[in-house]
PDB file of all heavy atoms in Angstrom:
ATOM      1  N   GLY A   1     -43.336 -11.493 -31.332  1.00  0.00           N
ATOM      2  CA  GLY A   1     -43.860 -10.240 -30.803  1.00  0.00           C
ATOM      3  C   GLY A   1     -43.169  -9.786 -29.533  1.00  0.00           C
ATOM      4  O   GLY A   1     -43.163  -8.605 -29.218  1.00  0.00           O
ATOM      5  N   CYS A   2     -42.556 -10.747 -28.821  1.00  0.00           N
ATOM      6  CA  CYS A   2     -41.878 -10.399 -27.576  1.00  0.00           C
ATOM      7  C   CYS A   2     -40.543  -9.698 -27.806  1.00  0.00           C
ATOM      8  O   CYS A   2     -40.017  -8.993 -26.934  1.00  0.00           O
ATOM      9  CB  CYS A   2     -41.642 -11.651 -26.717  1.00  0.00           C
ATOM     10  SG  CYS A   2     -43.155 -12.528 -26.255  1.00  0.00           S
ATOM     11  N   LEU A   3     -39.938  -9.955 -28.978  1.00  0.00           N
ATOM     12  CA  LEU A   3     -38.581  -9.419 -29.238  1.00  0.00           C
ATOM     13  C   LEU A   3     -38.569  -7.900 -29.336  1.00  0.00           C
ATOM     14  O   LEU A   3     -37.518  -7.278 -29.172  1.00  0.00           O
ATOM     15  CB  LEU A   3     -38.019 -10.046 -30.521  1.00  0.00           C
ATOM     16  CG  LEU A   3     -37.794 -11.564 -30.459  1.00  0.00           C
ATOM     17  CD1 LEU A   3     -37.255 -12.054 -31.800  1.00  0.00           C
ATOM     18  CD2 LEU A   3     -36.799 -11.909 -29.351  1.00  0.00           C
ATOM     19  N   GLU A   4     -39.707  -7.316 -29.616  1.00  0.00           N
ATOM     20  CA  GLU A   4     -39.744  -5.857 -29.755  1.00  0.00           C
ATOM     21  C   GLU A   4     -39.330  -5.193 -28.440  1.00  0.00           C
ATOM     22  O   GLU A   4     -38.690  -4.142 -28.455  1.00  0.00           O
ATOM     23  CB  GLU A   4     -41.163  -5.419 -30.146  1.00  0.00           C
ATOM     24  CG  GLU A   4     -41.274  -3.920 -30.337  1.00  0.00           C
ATOM     25  CD  GLU A   4     -42.658  -3.522 -30.816  1.00  0.00           C
ATOM     26  OE1 GLU A   4     -43.456  -4.428 -31.165  1.00  0.00           O
ATOM     27  OE2 GLU A   4     -42.941  -2.320 -30.854  1.00  0.00           O
ATOM     28  N   CYS A   5     -39.708  -5.831 -27.307  1.00  0.00           N
ATOM     29  CA  CYS A   5     -39.377  -5.242 -26.009  1.00  0.00           C
ATOM     30  C   CYS A   5     -38.192  -5.941 -25.340  1.00  0.00           C
ATOM     31  O   CYS A   5     -37.561  -5.363 -24.462  1.00  0.00           O
ATOM     32  CB  CYS A   5     -40.586  -5.298 -25.080  1.00  0.00           C
ATOM     33  SG  CYS A   5     -42.027  -4.398 -25.668  1.00  0.00           S
ATOM     34  N   HIS A   6     -37.919  -7.196 -25.677  1.00  0.00           N
ATOM     35  CA  HIS A   6     -36.940  -7.977 -24.926  1.00  0.00           C
ATOM     36  C   HIS A   6     -35.741  -8.419 -25.747  1.00  0.00           C
ATOM     37  O   HIS A   6     -34.906  -9.166 -25.223  1.00  0.00           O
ATOM     38  CB  HIS A   6     -37.614  -9.216 -24.325  1.00  0.00           C
ATOM     39  CG  HIS A   6     -38.689  -8.892 -23.333  1.00  0.00           C
ATOM     40  ND1 HIS A   6     -38.427  -8.447 -22.071  1.00  0.00           N
ATOM     41  CD2 HIS A   6     -40.055  -8.934 -23.482  1.00  0.00           C
ATOM     42  CE1 HIS A   6     -39.567  -8.254 -21.440  1.00  0.00           C
ATOM     43  NE2 HIS A   6     -40.587  -8.533 -22.269  1.00  0.00           N
ATOM     44  N   ALA A   7     -35.674  -7.984 -27.014  1.00  0.00           N
ATOM     45  CA  ALA A   7     -34.530  -8.429 -27.818  1.00  0.00           C
ATOM     46  C   ALA A   7     -33.203  -7.882 -27.244  1.00  0.00           C
ATOM     47  O   ALA A   7     -32.165  -8.539 -27.316  1.00  0.00           O
ATOM     48  CB  ALA A   7     -34.707  -7.951 -29.267  1.00  0.00           C
ATOM     49  N   HIS A   8     -33.257  -6.689 -26.638  1.00  0.00           N
ATOM     50  CA  HIS A   8     -32.021  -6.099 -26.115  1.00  0.00           C
ATOM     51  C   HIS A   8     -31.480  -6.890 -24.933  1.00  0.00           C
ATOM     52  O   HIS A   8     -30.321  -6.719 -24.554  1.00  0.00           O
ATOM     53  CB  HIS A   8     -32.296  -4.650 -25.698  1.00  0.00           C
ATOM     54  CG  HIS A   8     -33.137  -4.542 -24.463  1.00  0.00           C
ATOM     55  ND1 HIS A   8     -34.513  -4.799 -24.484  1.00  0.00           N
ATOM     56  CD2 HIS A   8     -32.823  -4.242 -23.181  1.00  0.00           C
ATOM     57  CE1 HIS A   8     -34.993  -4.640 -23.274  1.00  0.00           C
ATOM     58  NE2 HIS A   8     -33.971  -4.289 -22.448  1.00  0.00           N
ATOM     59  N   GLN A   9     -32.331  -7.798 -24.343  1.00  0.00           N
ATOM     60  CA  GLN A   9     -31.843  -8.626 -23.230  1.00  0.00           C
ATOM     61  C   GLN A   9     -31.172  -9.893 -23.729  1.00  0.00           C
ATOM     62  O   GLN A   9     -30.718 -10.703 -22.910  1.00  0.00           O
ATOM     63  CB  GLN A   9     -33.007  -8.990 -22.315  1.00  0.00           C
ATOM     64  CG  GLN A   9     -33.633  -7.786 -21.615  1.00  0.00           C
ATOM     65  CD  GLN A   9     -34.806  -8.211 -20.748  1.00  0.00           C
ATOM     66  OE1 GLN A   9     -35.922  -8.245 -21.202  1.00  0.00           O
ATOM     67  NE2 GLN A   9     -34.489  -8.535 -19.496  1.00  0.00           N
ATOM     68  N   GLY A  10     -31.164 -10.120 -25.028  1.00  0.00           N
ATOM     69  CA  GLY A  10     -30.501 -11.309 -25.574  1.00  0.00           C
ATOM     70  C   GLY A  10     -31.409 -12.517 -25.767  1.00  0.00           C
ATOM     71  O   GLY A  10     -30.928 -13.607 -26.052  1.00  0.00           O
ATOM     72  N   TYR A  11     -32.695 -12.317 -25.603  1.00  0.00           N
ATOM     73  CA  TYR A  11     -33.620 -13.442 -25.775  1.00  0.00           C
ATOM     74  C   TYR A  11     -33.842 -13.740 -27.273  1.00  0.00           C
ATOM     75  O   TYR A  11     -33.811 -12.821 -28.109  1.00  0.00           O
ATOM     76  CB  TYR A  11     -34.961 -13.163 -25.119  1.00  0.00           C
ATOM     77  CG  TYR A  11     -34.923 -13.235 -23.620  1.00  0.00           C
ATOM     78  CD1 TYR A  11     -34.965 -12.064 -22.843  1.00  0.00           C
ATOM     79  CD2 TYR A  11     -34.842 -14.475 -22.973  1.00  0.00           C
ATOM     80  CE1 TYR A  11     -34.927 -12.129 -21.463  1.00  0.00           C
ATOM     81  CE2 TYR A  11     -34.784 -14.532 -21.597  1.00  0.00           C
ATOM     82  CZ  TYR A  11     -34.840 -13.380 -20.840  1.00  0.00           C
ATOM     83  OH  TYR A  11     -34.812 -13.447 -19.477  1.00  0.00           O
ATOM     84  N   GLU A  12     -34.086 -14.990 -27.569  1.00  0.00           N
ATOM     85  CA  GLU A  12     -34.450 -15.414 -28.910  1.00  0.00           C
ATOM     86  C   GLU A  12     -35.795 -16.159 -28.862  1.00  0.00           C
ATOM     87  O   GLU A  12     -36.252 -16.605 -27.797  1.00  0.00           O
ATOM     88  CB  GLU A  12     -33.366 -16.335 -29.484  1.00  0.00           C
ATOM     89  CG  GLU A  12     -32.026 -15.656 -29.648  1.00  0.00           C
ATOM     90  CD  GLU A  12     -30.997 -16.607 -30.244  1.00  0.00           C
ATOM     91  OE1 GLU A  12     -31.358 -17.778 -30.479  1.00  0.00           O
ATOM     92  OE2 GLU A  12     -29.843 -16.184 -30.473  1.00  0.00           O
ATOM     93  N   VAL A  13     -36.396 -16.299 -30.036  1.00  0.00           N
ATOM     94  CA  VAL A  13     -37.702 -16.988 -30.135  1.00  0.00           C
ATOM     95  C   VAL A  13     -37.562 -18.411 -29.595  1.00  0.00           C
ATOM     96  O   VAL A  13     -36.643 -19.154 -29.971  1.00  0.00           O
ATOM     97  CB  VAL A  13     -38.211 -17.016 -31.590  1.00  0.00           C
ATOM     98  CG1 VAL A  13     -39.483 -17.855 -31.691  1.00  0.00           C
ATOM     99  CG2 VAL A  13     -38.478 -15.577 -32.061  1.00  0.00           C
ATOM    100  N   GLY A  14     -38.480 -18.792 -28.718  1.00  0.00           N
ATOM    101  CA  GLY A  14     -38.476 -20.145 -28.142  1.00  0.00           C
ATOM    102  C   GLY A  14     -37.869 -20.215 -26.771  1.00  0.00           C
ATOM    103  O   GLY A  14     -38.008 -21.243 -26.085  1.00  0.00           O
ATOM    104  N   ASP A  15     -37.114 -19.143 -26.336  1.00  0.00           N
ATOM    105  CA  ASP A  15     -36.510 -19.164 -25.001  1.00  0.00           C
ATOM    106  C   ASP A  15     -37.581 -19.074 -23.926  1.00  0.00           C
ATOM    107  O   ASP A  15     -38.664 -18.519 -24.156  1.00  0.00           O
ATOM    108  CB  ASP A  15     -35.529 -17.984 -24.839  1.00  0.00           C
ATOM    109  CG  ASP A  15     -34.285 -18.171 -25.682  1.00  0.00           C
ATOM    110  OD1 ASP A  15     -34.079 -19.297 -26.185  1.00  0.00           O
ATOM    111  OD2 ASP A  15     -33.546 -17.189 -25.868  1.00  0.00           O
ATOM    112  N   ILE A  16     -37.254 -19.590 -22.720  1.00  0.00           N
ATOM    113  CA  ILE A  16     -38.141 -19.466 -21.578  1.00  0.00           C
ATOM    114  C   ILE A  16     -37.897 -18.105 -20.940  1.00  0.00           C
ATOM    115  O   ILE A  16     -36.819 -17.849 -20.394  1.00  0.00           O
ATOM    116  CB  ILE A  16     -37.903 -20.581 -20.542  1.00  0.00           C
ATOM    117  CG1 ILE A  16     -38.129 -21.956 -21.189  1.00  0.00           C
ATOM    118  CG2 ILE A  16     -38.838 -20.414 -19.345  1.00  0.00           C
ATOM    119  CD1 ILE A  16     -39.536 -22.182 -21.642  1.00  0.00           C
ATOM    120  N   ARG A  17     -38.891 -17.235 -21.052  1.00  0.00           N
ATOM    121  CA  ARG A  17     -38.740 -15.878 -20.489  1.00  0.00           C
ATOM    122  C   ARG A  17     -39.099 -15.847 -19.013  1.00  0.00           C
ATOM    123  O   ARG A  17     -38.557 -15.078 -18.242  1.00  0.00           O
ATOM    124  CB  ARG A  17     -39.627 -14.901 -21.267  1.00  0.00           C
ATOM    125  CG  ARG A  17     -39.642 -13.485 -20.697  1.00  0.00           C
ATOM    126  CD  ARG A  17     -38.288 -12.833 -20.775  1.00  0.00           C
ATOM    127  NE  ARG A  17     -38.275 -11.526 -20.119  1.00  0.00           N
ATOM    128  CZ  ARG A  17     -37.937 -11.324 -18.855  1.00  0.00           C
ATOM    129  NH1 ARG A  17     -37.564 -12.359 -18.108  1.00  0.00           N
ATOM    130  NH2 ARG A  17     -37.926 -10.111 -18.324  1.00  0.00           N
ATOM    131  N   GLY A  18     -39.985 -16.722 -18.619  1.00  0.00           N
ATOM    132  CA  GLY A  18     -40.475 -16.740 -17.228  1.00  0.00           C
ATOM    133  C   GLY A  18     -41.709 -17.623 -17.166  1.00  0.00           C
ATOM    134  O   GLY A  18     -41.796 -18.660 -17.851  1.00  0.00           O
ATOM    135  N   GLY A  19     -42.658 -17.244 -16.361  1.00  0.00           N
ATOM    136  CA  GLY A  19     -43.873 -18.031 -16.240  1.00  0.00           C
ATOM    137  C   GLY A  19     -45.000 -17.217 -15.643  1.00  0.00           C
ATOM    138  O   GLY A  19     -44.808 -16.151 -15.053  1.00  0.00           O
ATOM    139  N   VAL A  20     -46.216 -17.721 -15.836  1.00  0.00           N
ATOM    140  CA  VAL A  20     -47.419 -17.123 -15.261  1.00  0.00           C
ATOM    141  C   VAL A  20     -47.987 -18.133 -14.274  1.00  0.00           C
ATOM    142  O   VAL A  20     -48.214 -19.285 -14.604  1.00  0.00           O
ATOM    143  CB  VAL A  20     -48.466 -16.800 -16.348  1.00  0.00           C
ATOM    144  CG1 VAL A  20     -49.733 -16.251 -15.699  1.00  0.00           C
ATOM    145  CG2 VAL A  20     -47.887 -15.789 -17.347  1.00  0.00           C
ATOM    146  N   SER A  21     -48.201 -17.697 -13.031  1.00  0.00           N
ATOM    147  CA  SER A  21     -48.741 -18.589 -12.001  1.00  0.00           C
ATOM    148  C   SER A  21     -50.139 -18.158 -11.609  1.00  0.00           C
ATOM    149  O   SER A  21     -50.474 -16.958 -11.670  1.00  0.00           O
ATOM    150  CB  SER A  21     -47.833 -18.610 -10.772  1.00  0.00           C
ATOM    151  OG  SER A  21     -47.872 -17.377 -10.088  1.00  0.00           O
ATOM    152  N   VAL A  22     -50.949 -19.151 -11.204  1.00  0.00           N
ATOM    153  CA  VAL A  22     -52.319 -18.909 -10.752  1.00  0.00           C
ATOM    154  C   VAL A  22     -52.501 -19.639  -9.444  1.00  0.00           C
ATOM    155  O   VAL A  22     -52.072 -20.801  -9.308  1.00  0.00           O
ATOM    156  CB  VAL A  22     -53.359 -19.420 -11.783  1.00  0.00           C
ATOM    157  CG1 VAL A  22     -54.766 -19.228 -11.245  1.00  0.00           C
ATOM    158  CG2 VAL A  22     -53.190 -18.687 -13.100  1.00  0.00           C
ATOM    159  N   ALA A  23     -53.112 -19.022  -8.442  1.00  0.00           N
ATOM    160  CA  ALA A  23     -53.372 -19.641  -7.128  1.00  0.00           C
ATOM    161  C   ALA A  23     -54.882 -19.565  -6.834  1.00  0.00           C
ATOM    162  O   ALA A  23     -55.437 -18.479  -6.730  1.00  0.00           O
ATOM    163  CB  ALA A  23     -52.564 -18.953  -6.043  1.00  0.00           C
ATOM    164  N   VAL A  24     -55.525 -20.725  -6.719  1.00  0.00           N
ATOM    165  CA  VAL A  24     -56.971 -20.811  -6.443  1.00  0.00           C
ATOM    166  C   VAL A  24     -57.173 -21.171  -4.966  1.00  0.00           C
ATOM    167  O   VAL A  24     -56.686 -22.210  -4.500  1.00  0.00           O
ATOM    168  CB  VAL A  24     -57.639 -21.882  -7.325  1.00  0.00           C
ATOM    169  CG1 VAL A  24     -59.112 -21.982  -6.998  1.00  0.00           C
ATOM    170  CG2 VAL A  24     -57.442 -21.531  -8.800  1.00  0.00           C
ATOM    171  N   PRO A  25     -57.915 -20.356  -4.179  1.00  0.00           N
ATOM    172  CA  PRO A  25     -58.189 -20.688  -2.771  1.00  0.00           C
ATOM    173  C   PRO A  25     -59.004 -21.984  -2.673  1.00  0.00           C
ATOM    174  O   PRO A  25     -59.954 -22.192  -3.432  1.00  0.00           O
ATOM    175  CB  PRO A  25     -58.983 -19.486  -2.241  1.00  0.00           C
ATOM    176  CG  PRO A  25     -58.755 -18.403  -3.232  1.00  0.00           C
ATOM    177  CD  PRO A  25     -58.516 -19.059  -4.559  1.00  0.00           C
ATOM    178  N   LEU A  26     -58.616 -22.867  -1.750  1.00  0.00           N
ATOM    179  CA  LEU A  26     -59.308 -24.160  -1.605  1.00  0.00           C
ATOM    180  C   LEU A  26     -60.280 -24.197  -0.427  1.00  0.00           C
ATOM    181  O   LEU A  26     -60.928 -25.237  -0.226  1.00  0.00           O
ATOM    182  CB  LEU A  26     -58.249 -25.274  -1.408  1.00  0.00           C
ATOM    183  CG  LEU A  26     -57.373 -25.597  -2.614  1.00  0.00           C
ATOM    184  CD1 LEU A  26     -56.359 -26.660  -2.232  1.00  0.00           C
ATOM    185  CD2 LEU A  26     -58.215 -26.045  -3.796  1.00  0.00           C
ATOM    186  N   THR A  27     -60.396 -23.124   0.326  1.00  0.00           N
ATOM    187  CA  THR A  27     -61.210 -23.159   1.543  1.00  0.00           C
ATOM    188  C   THR A  27     -62.648 -23.552   1.241  1.00  0.00           C
ATOM    189  O   THR A  27     -63.219 -24.449   1.878  1.00  0.00           O
ATOM    190  CB  THR A  27     -61.163 -21.808   2.258  1.00  0.00           C
ATOM    191  OG1 THR A  27     -59.808 -21.477   2.563  1.00  0.00           O
ATOM    192  CG2 THR A  27     -61.951 -21.879   3.550  1.00  0.00           C
ATOM    193  N   ASP A  28     -63.280 -22.873   0.262  1.00  0.00           N
ATOM    194  CA  ASP A  28     -64.687 -23.176  -0.060  1.00  0.00           C
ATOM    195  C   ASP A  28     -64.808 -24.595  -0.616  1.00  0.00           C
ATOM    196  O   ASP A  28     -65.767 -25.327  -0.291  1.00  0.00           O
ATOM    197  CB  ASP A  28     -65.226 -22.180  -1.077  1.00  0.00           C
ATOM    198  CG  ASP A  28     -65.374 -20.791  -0.473  1.00  0.00           C
ATOM    199  OD1 ASP A  28     -65.401 -20.707   0.773  1.00  0.00           O
ATOM    200  OD2 ASP A  28     -65.465 -19.817  -1.220  1.00  0.00           O
ATOM    201  N   TYR A  29     -63.878 -25.018  -1.459  1.00  0.00           N
ATOM    202  CA  TYR A  29     -63.930 -26.368  -2.026  1.00  0.00           C
ATOM    203  C   TYR A  29     -63.841 -27.415  -0.901  1.00  0.00           C
ATOM    204  O   TYR A  29     -64.601 -28.391  -0.887  1.00  0.00           O
ATOM    205  CB  TYR A  29     -62.780 -26.595  -2.997  1.00  0.00           C
ATOM    206  CG  TYR A  29     -62.940 -25.904  -4.326  1.00  0.00           C
ATOM    207  CD1 TYR A  29     -62.282 -24.721  -4.619  1.00  0.00           C
ATOM    208  CD2 TYR A  29     -63.747 -26.443  -5.319  1.00  0.00           C
ATOM    209  CE1 TYR A  29     -62.416 -24.084  -5.830  1.00  0.00           C
ATOM    210  CE2 TYR A  29     -63.896 -25.817  -6.552  1.00  0.00           C
ATOM    211  CZ  TYR A  29     -63.225 -24.639  -6.807  1.00  0.00           C
ATOM    212  OH  TYR A  29     -63.350 -24.038  -8.015  1.00  0.00           O
ATOM    213  N   LEU A  30     -62.897 -27.224   0.025  1.00  0.00           N
ATOM    214  CA  LEU A  30     -62.717 -28.219   1.100  1.00  0.00           C
ATOM    215  C   LEU A  30     -63.904 -28.245   2.030  1.00  0.00           C
ATOM    216  O   LEU A  30     -64.274 -29.310   2.554  1.00  0.00           O
ATOM    217  CB  LEU A  30     -61.432 -27.898   1.873  1.00  0.00           C
ATOM    218  CG  LEU A  30     -60.122 -28.013   1.074  1.00  0.00           C
ATOM    219  CD1 LEU A  30     -58.939 -27.565   1.934  1.00  0.00           C
ATOM    220  CD2 LEU A  30     -59.920 -29.460   0.592  1.00  0.00           C
ATOM    221  N   GLU A  31     -64.536 -27.080   2.276  1.00  0.00           N
ATOM    222  CA  GLU A  31     -65.705 -27.073   3.156  1.00  0.00           C
ATOM    223  C   GLU A  31     -66.850 -27.830   2.520  1.00  0.00           C
ATOM    224  O   GLU A  31     -67.550 -28.606   3.203  1.00  0.00           O
ATOM    225  CB  GLU A  31     -66.119 -25.611   3.414  1.00  0.00           C
ATOM    226  CG  GLU A  31     -67.352 -25.484   4.301  1.00  0.00           C
ATOM    227  CD  GLU A  31     -67.176 -26.100   5.679  1.00  0.00           C
ATOM    228  OE1 GLU A  31     -66.024 -26.190   6.133  1.00  0.00           O
ATOM    229  OE2 GLU A  31     -68.179 -26.508   6.284  1.00  0.00           O
ATOM    230  N   ARG A  32     -67.065 -27.632   1.194  1.00  0.00           N
ATOM    231  CA  ARG A  32     -68.113 -28.380   0.503  1.00  0.00           C
ATOM    232  C   ARG A  32     -67.810 -29.874   0.503  1.00  0.00           C
ATOM    233  O   ARG A  32     -68.706 -30.726   0.680  1.00  0.00           O
ATOM    234  CB  ARG A  32     -68.264 -27.864  -0.927  1.00  0.00           C
ATOM    235  CG  ARG A  32     -69.407 -28.488  -1.679  1.00  0.00           C
ATOM    236  CD  ARG A  32     -69.819 -27.635  -2.869  1.00  0.00           C
ATOM    237  NE  ARG A  32     -68.740 -27.379  -3.778  1.00  0.00           N
ATOM    238  CZ  ARG A  32     -68.144 -26.189  -3.948  1.00  0.00           C
ATOM    239  NH1 ARG A  32     -68.555 -25.152  -3.240  1.00  0.00           N
ATOM    240  NH2 ARG A  32     -67.166 -26.034  -4.808  1.00  0.00           N
ATOM    241  N   GLU A  33     -66.530 -30.230   0.345  1.00  0.00           N
ATOM    242  CA  GLU A  33     -66.142 -31.641   0.389  1.00  0.00           C
ATOM    243  C   GLU A  33     -66.433 -32.247   1.762  1.00  0.00           C
ATOM    244  O   GLU A  33     -66.945 -33.362   1.861  1.00  0.00           O
ATOM    245  CB  GLU A  33     -64.653 -31.769   0.060  1.00  0.00           C
ATOM    246  CG  GLU A  33     -64.114 -33.195   0.188  1.00  0.00           C
ATOM    247  CD  GLU A  33     -62.604 -33.221   0.153  1.00  0.00           C
ATOM    248  OE1 GLU A  33     -61.999 -32.393  -0.560  1.00  0.00           O
ATOM    249  OE2 GLU A  33     -62.013 -34.090   0.811  1.00  0.00           O
ATOM    250  N   ARG A  34     -66.097 -31.488   2.830  1.00  0.00           N
ATOM    251  CA  ARG A  34     -66.356 -32.025   4.180  1.00  0.00           C
ATOM    252  C   ARG A  34     -67.851 -32.226   4.439  1.00  0.00           C
ATOM    253  O   ARG A  34     -68.239 -33.202   5.085  1.00  0.00           O
ATOM    254  CB  ARG A  34     -65.772 -31.058   5.220  1.00  0.00           C
ATOM    255  CG  ARG A  34     -64.262 -31.166   5.387  1.00  0.00           C
ATOM    256  CD  ARG A  34     -63.794 -30.404   6.598  1.00  0.00           C
ATOM    257  NE  ARG A  34     -63.906 -28.951   6.427  1.00  0.00           N
ATOM    258  CZ  ARG A  34     -62.936 -28.207   5.902  1.00  0.00           C
ATOM    259  NH1 ARG A  34     -61.811 -28.751   5.523  1.00  0.00           N
ATOM    260  NH2 ARG A  34     -63.113 -26.902   5.764  1.00  0.00           N
ATOM    261  N   GLN A  35     -68.695 -31.335   3.952  1.00  0.00           N
ATOM    262  CA  GLN A  35     -70.144 -31.503   4.147  1.00  0.00           C
ATOM    263  C   GLN A  35     -70.654 -32.760   3.466  1.00  0.00           C
ATOM    264  O   GLN A  35     -71.392 -33.563   4.049  1.00  0.00           O
ATOM    265  CB  GLN A  35     -70.886 -30.256   3.627  1.00  0.00           C
ATOM    266  CG  GLN A  35     -70.590 -29.001   4.418  1.00  0.00           C
ATOM    267  CD  GLN A  35     -71.225 -27.753   3.800  1.00  0.00           C
ATOM    268  OE1 GLN A  35     -71.812 -27.821   2.708  1.00  0.00           O
ATOM    269  NE2 GLN A  35     -71.094 -26.618   4.447  1.00  0.00           N
ATOM    270  N   ILE A  36     -70.265 -32.932   2.198  1.00  0.00           N
ATOM    271  CA  ILE A  36     -70.741 -34.117   1.451  1.00  0.00           C
ATOM    272  C   ILE A  36     -70.191 -35.388   2.073  1.00  0.00           C
ATOM    273  O   ILE A  36     -70.917 -36.369   2.242  1.00  0.00           O
ATOM    274  CB  ILE A  36     -70.296 -33.985  -0.013  1.00  0.00           C
ATOM    275  CG1 ILE A  36     -70.995 -32.798  -0.683  1.00  0.00           C
ATOM    276  CG2 ILE A  36     -70.645 -35.264  -0.791  1.00  0.00           C
ATOM    277  CD1 ILE A  36     -70.491 -32.506  -2.084  1.00  0.00           C
ATOM    278  N   ALA A  37     -68.901 -35.381   2.454  1.00  0.00           N
ATOM    279  CA  ALA A  37     -68.312 -36.556   3.055  1.00  0.00           C
ATOM    280  C   ALA A  37     -68.988 -36.912   4.379  1.00  0.00           C
ATOM    281  O   ALA A  37     -69.210 -38.078   4.688  1.00  0.00           O
ATOM    282  CB  ALA A  37     -66.797 -36.361   3.258  1.00  0.00           C
ATOM    283  N   GLY A  38     -69.314 -35.897   5.167  1.00  0.00           N
ATOM    284  CA  GLY A  38     -69.976 -36.148   6.451  1.00  0.00           C
ATOM    285  C   GLY A  38     -71.313 -36.822   6.295  1.00  0.00           C
ATOM    286  O   GLY A  38     -71.633 -37.787   6.988  1.00  0.00           O
ATOM    287  N   VAL A  39     -72.116 -36.322   5.335  1.00  0.00           N
ATOM    288  CA  VAL A  39     -73.433 -36.924   5.105  1.00  0.00           C
ATOM    289  C   VAL A  39     -73.301 -38.359   4.614  1.00  0.00           C
ATOM    290  O   VAL A  39     -73.989 -39.276   5.074  1.00  0.00           O
ATOM    291  CB  VAL A  39     -74.212 -36.066   4.068  1.00  0.00           C
ATOM    292  CG1 VAL A  39     -75.489 -36.795   3.665  1.00  0.00           C
ATOM    293  CG2 VAL A  39     -74.558 -34.713   4.670  1.00  0.00           C
ATOM    294  N   THR A  40     -72.357 -38.575   3.677  1.00  0.00           N
ATOM    295  CA  THR A  40     -72.176 -39.930   3.119  1.00  0.00           C
ATOM    296  C   THR A  40     -71.704 -40.911   4.181  1.00  0.00           C
ATOM    297  O   THR A  40     -72.259 -42.023   4.305  1.00  0.00           O
ATOM    298  CB  THR A  40     -71.172 -39.870   1.957  1.00  0.00           C
ATOM    299  OG1 THR A  40     -71.611 -38.942   0.972  1.00  0.00           O
ATOM    300  CG2 THR A  40     -71.006 -41.244   1.323  1.00  0.00           C
ATOM    301  N   VAL A  41     -70.697 -40.529   4.943  1.00  0.00           N
ATOM    302  CA  VAL A  41     -70.174 -41.453   5.963  1.00  0.00           C
ATOM    303  C   VAL A  41     -71.212 -41.732   7.028  1.00  0.00           C
ATOM    304  O   VAL A  41     -71.325 -42.849   7.523  1.00  0.00           O
ATOM    305  CB  VAL A  41     -68.890 -40.860   6.580  1.00  0.00           C
ATOM    306  CG1 VAL A  41     -68.438 -41.683   7.787  1.00  0.00           C
ATOM    307  CG2 VAL A  41     -67.777 -40.821   5.546  1.00  0.00           C
ATOM    308  N   SER A  42     -72.028 -40.722   7.386  1.00  0.00           N
ATOM    309  CA  SER A  42     -73.086 -40.952   8.381  1.00  0.00           C
ATOM    310  C   SER A  42     -74.100 -41.958   7.869  1.00  0.00           C
ATOM    311  O   SER A  42     -74.548 -42.850   8.623  1.00  0.00           O
ATOM    312  CB  SER A  42     -73.780 -39.628   8.720  1.00  0.00           C
ATOM    313  OG  SER A  42     -72.855 -38.707   9.295  1.00  0.00           O
ATOM    314  N   ALA A  43     -74.473 -41.833   6.613  1.00  0.00           N
ATOM    315  CA  ALA A  43     -75.448 -42.775   6.039  1.00  0.00           C
ATOM    316  C   ALA A  43     -74.868 -44.197   6.020  1.00  0.00           C
ATOM    317  O   ALA A  43     -75.535 -45.181   6.386  1.00  0.00           O
ATOM    318  CB  ALA A  43     -75.829 -42.343   4.637  1.00  0.00           C
ATOM    319  N   PHE A  44     -73.594 -44.298   5.608  1.00  0.00           N
ATOM    320  CA  PHE A  44     -72.963 -45.616   5.567  1.00  0.00           C
ATOM    321  C   PHE A  44     -72.861 -46.218   6.987  1.00  0.00           C
ATOM    322  O   PHE A  44     -73.069 -47.423   7.176  1.00  0.00           O
ATOM    323  CB  PHE A  44     -71.554 -45.502   4.980  1.00  0.00           C
ATOM    324  CG  PHE A  44     -71.555 -45.364   3.495  1.00  0.00           C
ATOM    325  CD1 PHE A  44     -70.359 -45.176   2.792  1.00  0.00           C
ATOM    326  CD2 PHE A  44     -72.711 -45.408   2.769  1.00  0.00           C
ATOM    327  CE1 PHE A  44     -70.355 -45.051   1.428  1.00  0.00           C
ATOM    328  CE2 PHE A  44     -72.730 -45.272   1.402  1.00  0.00           C
ATOM    329  CZ  PHE A  44     -71.528 -45.091   0.733  1.00  0.00           C
ATOM    330  N   ALA A  45     -72.547 -45.365   7.981  1.00  0.00           N
ATOM    331  CA  ALA A  45     -72.418 -45.858   9.348  1.00  0.00           C
ATOM    332  C   ALA A  45     -73.741 -46.399   9.865  1.00  0.00           C
ATOM    333  O   ALA A  45     -73.798 -47.426  10.550  1.00  0.00           O
ATOM    334  CB  ALA A  45     -71.895 -44.764  10.266  1.00  0.00           C
ATOM    335  N   GLY A  46     -74.840 -45.701   9.516  1.00  0.00           N
ATOM    336  CA  GLY A  46     -76.145 -46.182   9.945  1.00  0.00           C
ATOM    337  C   GLY A  46     -76.495 -47.541   9.361  1.00  0.00           C
ATOM    338  O   GLY A  46     -76.983 -48.444  10.071  1.00  0.00           O
TER     339      GLY A  46
END
């Protein structure tokens, strides 16, 4: 299906045309991790 638009560029089926990237923000994940780690380490320290 890709050749309809990209055949004129010389691509063939199976070639690597490029890639799709995804970036997930980690700020909320890391904050939740710090909260849980703080409670756990405090309990262990006691």
